[in-house]
Amino acid sequence: MIPEPGDANRDITVTETFHLQTEDELSDKELKQVKADDQAIQTILLGLPEDIYAAVDSC
C-alpha cells in the first residue's frame, strides 16, 4: 500500500545504523581530510564568477 501525502498514521522506516557523525567520532586523519576538503571547496567557489557562486551558495 502506498501512503497518501498528509497521512499522519503512516509508518516511516529509518535505518537503525543511521546516526549523525560528530567530530568526536572522527579520527585525526579523517578530521584533517574533512578540513582539507572544505578548503578545496572554498578555493573552487572563490574562483567561480560571482553569479555562479551566488547560485551554488543559495542551495
C-alpha atoms as a PDB file:
ATOM      1  CA  MET A   1       0.000   0.000   0.000  1.00  0.00           C
ATOM      2  CA  ILE A   2       1.306   3.434  -0.935  1.00  0.00           C
ATOM      3  CA  PRO A   3       0.731   6.037   1.787  1.00  0.00           C
ATOM      4  CA  GLU A   4      -1.073   9.213   0.824  1.00  0.00           C
ATOM      5  CA  PRO A   5       0.560  12.603   1.425  1.00  0.00           C
ATOM      6  CA  GLY A   6      -0.534  14.046   4.747  1.00  0.00           C
ATOM      7  CA  ASP A   7      -1.335  10.627   6.235  1.00  0.00           C
ATOM      8  CA  ALA A   8      -0.255  11.109   9.846  1.00  0.00           C
ATOM      9  CA  ASN A   9      -0.584   7.392  10.612  1.00  0.00           C
ATOM     10  CA  ARG A  10       1.898   6.109   8.031  1.00  0.00           C
ATOM     11  CA  ASP A  11       4.994   4.256   9.180  1.00  0.00           C
ATOM     12  CA  ILE A  12       8.352   5.845   8.450  1.00  0.00           C
ATOM     13  CA  THR A  13      11.281   3.482   8.226  1.00  0.00           C
ATOM     14  CA  VAL A  14      14.685   4.657   9.414  1.00  0.00           C
ATOM     15  CA  THR A  15      17.786   2.540   9.071  1.00  0.00           C
ATOM     16  CA  GLU A  16      18.951   1.591  12.551  1.00  0.00           C
ATOM     17  CA  THR A  17      22.592   2.242  11.738  1.00  0.00           C
ATOM     18  CA  PHE A  18      21.955   5.862  10.690  1.00  0.00           C
ATOM     19  CA  HIS A  19      23.299   8.498  13.020  1.00  0.00           C
ATOM     20  CA  LEU A  20      24.946  11.886  12.749  1.00  0.00           C
ATOM     21  CA  GLN A  21      28.705  11.550  12.863  1.00  0.00           C
ATOM     22  CA  THR A  22      30.297  14.175  15.068  1.00  0.00           C
ATOM     23  CA  GLU A  23      33.857  15.459  15.099  1.00  0.00           C
ATOM     24  CA  ASP A  24      34.417  13.489  18.315  1.00  0.00           C
ATOM     25  CA  GLU A  25      33.868  10.268  16.360  1.00  0.00           C
ATOM     26  CA  LEU A  26      36.346  11.141  13.608  1.00  0.00           C
ATOM     27  CA  SER A  27      39.986  10.163  13.770  1.00  0.00           C
ATOM     28  CA  ASP A  28      42.588  12.911  13.454  1.00  0.00           C
ATOM     29  CA  LYS A  29      43.332  11.783   9.893  1.00  0.00           C
ATOM     30  CA  GLU A  30      39.649  11.896   8.928  1.00  0.00           C
ATOM     31  CA  LEU A  31      39.185  15.315  10.535  1.00  0.00           C
ATOM     32  CA  LYS A  32      42.193  16.702   8.641  1.00  0.00           C
ATOM     33  CA  GLN A  33      40.752  15.307   5.396  1.00  0.00           C
ATOM     34  CA  VAL A  34      37.367  16.949   6.072  1.00  0.00           C
ATOM     35  CA  LYS A  35      39.060  20.291   6.711  1.00  0.00           C
ATOM     36  CA  ALA A  36      41.184  19.917   3.557  1.00  0.00           C
ATOM     37  CA  ASP A  37      38.066  19.102   1.534  1.00  0.00           C
ATOM     38  CA  ASP A  38      36.315  22.181   2.942  1.00  0.00           C
ATOM     39  CA  GLN A  39      39.295  24.344   1.994  1.00  0.00           C
ATOM     40  CA  ALA A  40      39.363  22.885  -1.525  1.00  0.00           C
ATOM     41  CA  ILE A  41      35.653  23.594  -1.956  1.00  0.00           C
ATOM     42  CA  GLN A  42      36.144  27.197  -0.813  1.00  0.00           C
ATOM     43  CA  THR A  43      39.054  27.623  -3.233  1.00  0.00           C
ATOM     44  CA  ILE A  44      36.957  26.312  -6.117  1.00  0.00           C
ATOM     45  CA  LEU A  45      33.994  28.519  -5.214  1.00  0.00           C
ATOM     46  CA  LEU A  46      36.157  31.633  -4.936  1.00  0.00           C
ATOM     47  CA  GLY A  47      37.380  31.005  -8.484  1.00  0.00           C
ATOM     48  CA  LEU A  48      33.849  30.962  -9.910  1.00  0.00           C
ATOM     49  CA  PRO A  49      32.188  34.005 -11.438  1.00  0.00           C
ATOM     50  CA  GLU A  50      30.009  35.801  -8.899  1.00  0.00           C
ATOM     51  CA  ASP A  51      26.663  34.822 -10.468  1.00  0.00           C
ATOM     52  CA  ILE A  52      27.559  31.112 -10.438  1.00  0.00           C
ATOM     53  CA  TYR A  53      28.820  31.386  -6.853  1.00  0.00           C
ATOM     54  CA  ALA A  54      25.542  33.007  -5.776  1.00  0.00           C
ATOM     55  CA  ALA A  55      23.548  30.185  -7.371  1.00  0.00           C
ATOM     56  CA  VAL A  56      25.667  27.492  -5.692  1.00  0.00           C
ATOM     57  CA  ASP A  57      25.612  29.314  -2.357  1.00  0.00           C
ATOM     58  CA  SER A  58      21.810  29.508  -2.375  1.00  0.00           C
ATOM     59  CA  CYS A  59      21.471  25.684  -2.481  1.00  0.00           C
END
